[in-house]
Amino acid sequence: MNPKQKRNKKQRLIDLFGSQCWWCSKSLPQKDLTIDHLLPKSRGGTNSCENLRLSCFPCNNHRGNSLYPPNYKSLNYF
């Protein structure tokens, strides 16, 4: 995405979901929100609004290219 597309997508996501982190629900100013891919691009995700959410930097950074929410703890039964 070029910068103009990124700004437009970010504004559309704010209009849809509000100005808060998708993962931790923390309300943030627009400049502090990052665009997060639900299905990471490295795993075949797209830049469509259906695959994008807004998140704070710590949640986005911690999640990396995982398919799971930040701080997800898998249960190892075996």
C-alpha atoms as a PDB file:
ATOM      1  CA  MET A   1       0.000   0.000   0.000  1.00  0.00           C
ATOM      2  CA  ASN A   2       1.223   3.460  -0.743  1.00  0.00           C
ATOM      3  CA  PRO A   3       0.905   6.144   1.983  1.00  0.00           C
ATOM      4  CA  LYS A   4      -2.341   7.562   0.575  1.00  0.00           C
ATOM      5  CA  GLN A   5      -3.962   4.120   0.404  1.00  0.00           C
ATOM      6  CA  LYS A   6      -2.786   3.393   3.941  1.00  0.00           C
ATOM      7  CA  ARG A   7      -4.339   6.635   5.264  1.00  0.00           C
ATOM      8  CA  ASN A   8      -7.615   5.883   3.473  1.00  0.00           C
ATOM      9  CA  LYS A   9      -7.755   2.313   4.811  1.00  0.00           C
ATOM     10  CA  LYS A  10      -6.912   3.489   8.329  1.00  0.00           C
ATOM     11  CA  GLN A  11      -9.721   6.063   8.204  1.00  0.00           C
ATOM     12  CA  ARG A  12     -12.164   3.469   6.893  1.00  0.00           C
ATOM     13  CA  LEU A  13     -11.223   1.071   9.698  1.00  0.00           C
ATOM     14  CA  ILE A  14     -11.682   3.860  12.270  1.00  0.00           C
ATOM     15  CA  ASP A  15     -15.116   4.566  10.783  1.00  0.00           C
ATOM     16  CA  LEU A  16     -16.015   0.863  11.035  1.00  0.00           C
ATOM     17  CA  PHE A  17     -14.473  -0.121  14.379  1.00  0.00           C
ATOM     18  CA  GLY A  18     -13.606   3.084  16.218  1.00  0.00           C
ATOM     19  CA  SER A  19     -10.246   4.416  17.326  1.00  0.00           C
ATOM     20  CA  GLN A  20      -9.175   1.539  19.535  1.00  0.00           C
ATOM     21  CA  CYS A  21      -6.937  -1.501  19.446  1.00  0.00           C
ATOM     22  CA  TRP A  22      -8.743  -4.553  18.095  1.00  0.00           C
ATOM     23  CA  TRP A  23      -6.907  -6.822  20.543  1.00  0.00           C
ATOM     24  CA  CYS A  24      -6.690  -4.955  23.874  1.00  0.00           C
ATOM     25  CA  SER A  25      -9.510  -2.401  23.326  1.00  0.00           C
ATOM     26  CA  LYS A  26      -7.303   0.501  24.369  1.00  0.00           C
ATOM     27  CA  SER A  27      -8.557   3.807  22.902  1.00  0.00           C
ATOM     28  CA  LEU A  28      -5.807   5.609  21.016  1.00  0.00           C
ATOM     29  CA  PRO A  29      -5.399   8.652  18.788  1.00  0.00           C
ATOM     30  CA  GLN A  30      -5.298   7.830  15.088  1.00  0.00           C
ATOM     31  CA  LYS A  31      -1.561   8.481  14.839  1.00  0.00           C
ATOM     32  CA  ASP A  32      -0.845   5.751  17.434  1.00  0.00           C
ATOM     33  CA  LEU A  33      -2.854   3.015  15.707  1.00  0.00           C
ATOM     34  CA  THR A  34      -1.177   0.549  13.364  1.00  0.00           C
ATOM     35  CA  ILE A  35      -2.767  -1.544  10.646  1.00  0.00           C
ATOM     36  CA  ASP A  36      -2.750  -5.236  11.523  1.00  0.00           C
ATOM     37  CA  HIS A  37      -3.522  -8.101   9.139  1.00  0.00           C
ATOM     38  CA  LEU A  38      -5.787 -10.799  10.623  1.00  0.00           C
ATOM     39  CA  LEU A  39      -4.246 -13.277   8.187  1.00  0.00           C
ATOM     40  CA  PRO A  40      -0.662 -12.015   7.906  1.00  0.00           C
ATOM     41  CA  LYS A  41       0.611 -11.140   4.433  1.00  0.00           C
ATOM     42  CA  SER A  42       3.425 -13.666   4.913  1.00  0.00           C
ATOM     43  CA  ARG A  43       0.731 -16.357   5.191  1.00  0.00           C
ATOM     44  CA  GLY A  44      -1.224 -15.223   2.126  1.00  0.00           C
ATOM     45  CA  GLY A  45      -3.299 -12.408   3.642  1.00  0.00           C
ATOM     46  CA  THR A  46      -4.398  -9.423   1.585  1.00  0.00           C
ATOM     47  CA  ASN A  47      -4.724  -5.683   2.139  1.00  0.00           C
ATOM     48  CA  SER A  48      -8.523  -5.846   1.861  1.00  0.00           C
ATOM     49  CA  CYS A  49     -10.465  -4.170   4.669  1.00  0.00           C
ATOM     50  CA  GLU A  50     -11.955  -7.559   5.568  1.00  0.00           C
ATOM     51  CA  ASN A  51      -8.454  -8.718   6.542  1.00  0.00           C
ATOM     52  CA  LEU A  52      -7.347  -5.524   8.295  1.00  0.00           C
ATOM     53  CA  ARG A  53      -7.862  -4.272  11.842  1.00  0.00           C
ATOM     54  CA  LEU A  54      -6.357  -1.449  13.878  1.00  0.00           C
ATOM     55  CA  SER A  55      -4.090  -2.287  16.776  1.00  0.00           C
ATOM     56  CA  CYS A  56      -1.688  -0.595  19.131  1.00  0.00           C
ATOM     57  CA  PHE A  57       1.993  -1.088  18.360  1.00  0.00           C
ATOM     58  CA  PRO A  58       2.651  -3.464  21.304  1.00  0.00           C
ATOM     59  CA  CYS A  59      -0.177  -5.835  20.275  1.00  0.00           C
ATOM     60  CA  ASN A  60       0.759  -5.712  16.587  1.00  0.00           C
ATOM     61  CA  ASN A  61       4.445  -6.193  17.323  1.00  0.00           C
ATOM     62  CA  HIS A  62       3.899  -9.050  19.782  1.00  0.00           C
ATOM     63  CA  ARG A  63       1.567 -10.863  17.403  1.00  0.00           C
ATOM     64  CA  GLY A  64       4.062 -10.800  14.533  1.00  0.00           C
ATOM     65  CA  ASN A  65       2.902 -13.192  11.793  1.00  0.00           C
ATOM     66  CA  SER A  66       0.956 -15.434  14.166  1.00  0.00           C
ATOM     67  CA  LEU A  67      -2.600 -16.467  13.405  1.00  0.00           C
ATOM     68  CA  TYR A  68      -3.463 -16.037  17.077  1.00  0.00           C
ATOM     69  CA  PRO A  69      -4.113 -12.949  19.215  1.00  0.00           C
ATOM     70  CA  PRO A  70      -1.209 -11.374  21.110  1.00  0.00           C
ATOM     71  CA  ASN A  71      -0.322 -13.163  24.354  1.00  0.00           C
ATOM     72  CA  TYR A  72      -2.129 -16.313  23.180  1.00  0.00           C
ATOM     73  CA  LYS A  73      -0.992 -19.269  25.219  1.00  0.00           C
ATOM     74  CA  SER A  74      -1.309 -22.604  23.495  1.00  0.00           C
ATOM     75  CA  LEU A  75      -2.279 -25.560  25.621  1.00  0.00           C
ATOM     76  CA  ASN A  76       0.201 -28.354  25.186  1.00  0.00           C
ATOM     77  CA  TYR A  77      -1.537 -31.543  26.275  1.00  0.00           C
ATOM     78  CA  PHE A  78       1.032 -33.889  24.763  1.00  0.00           C
END
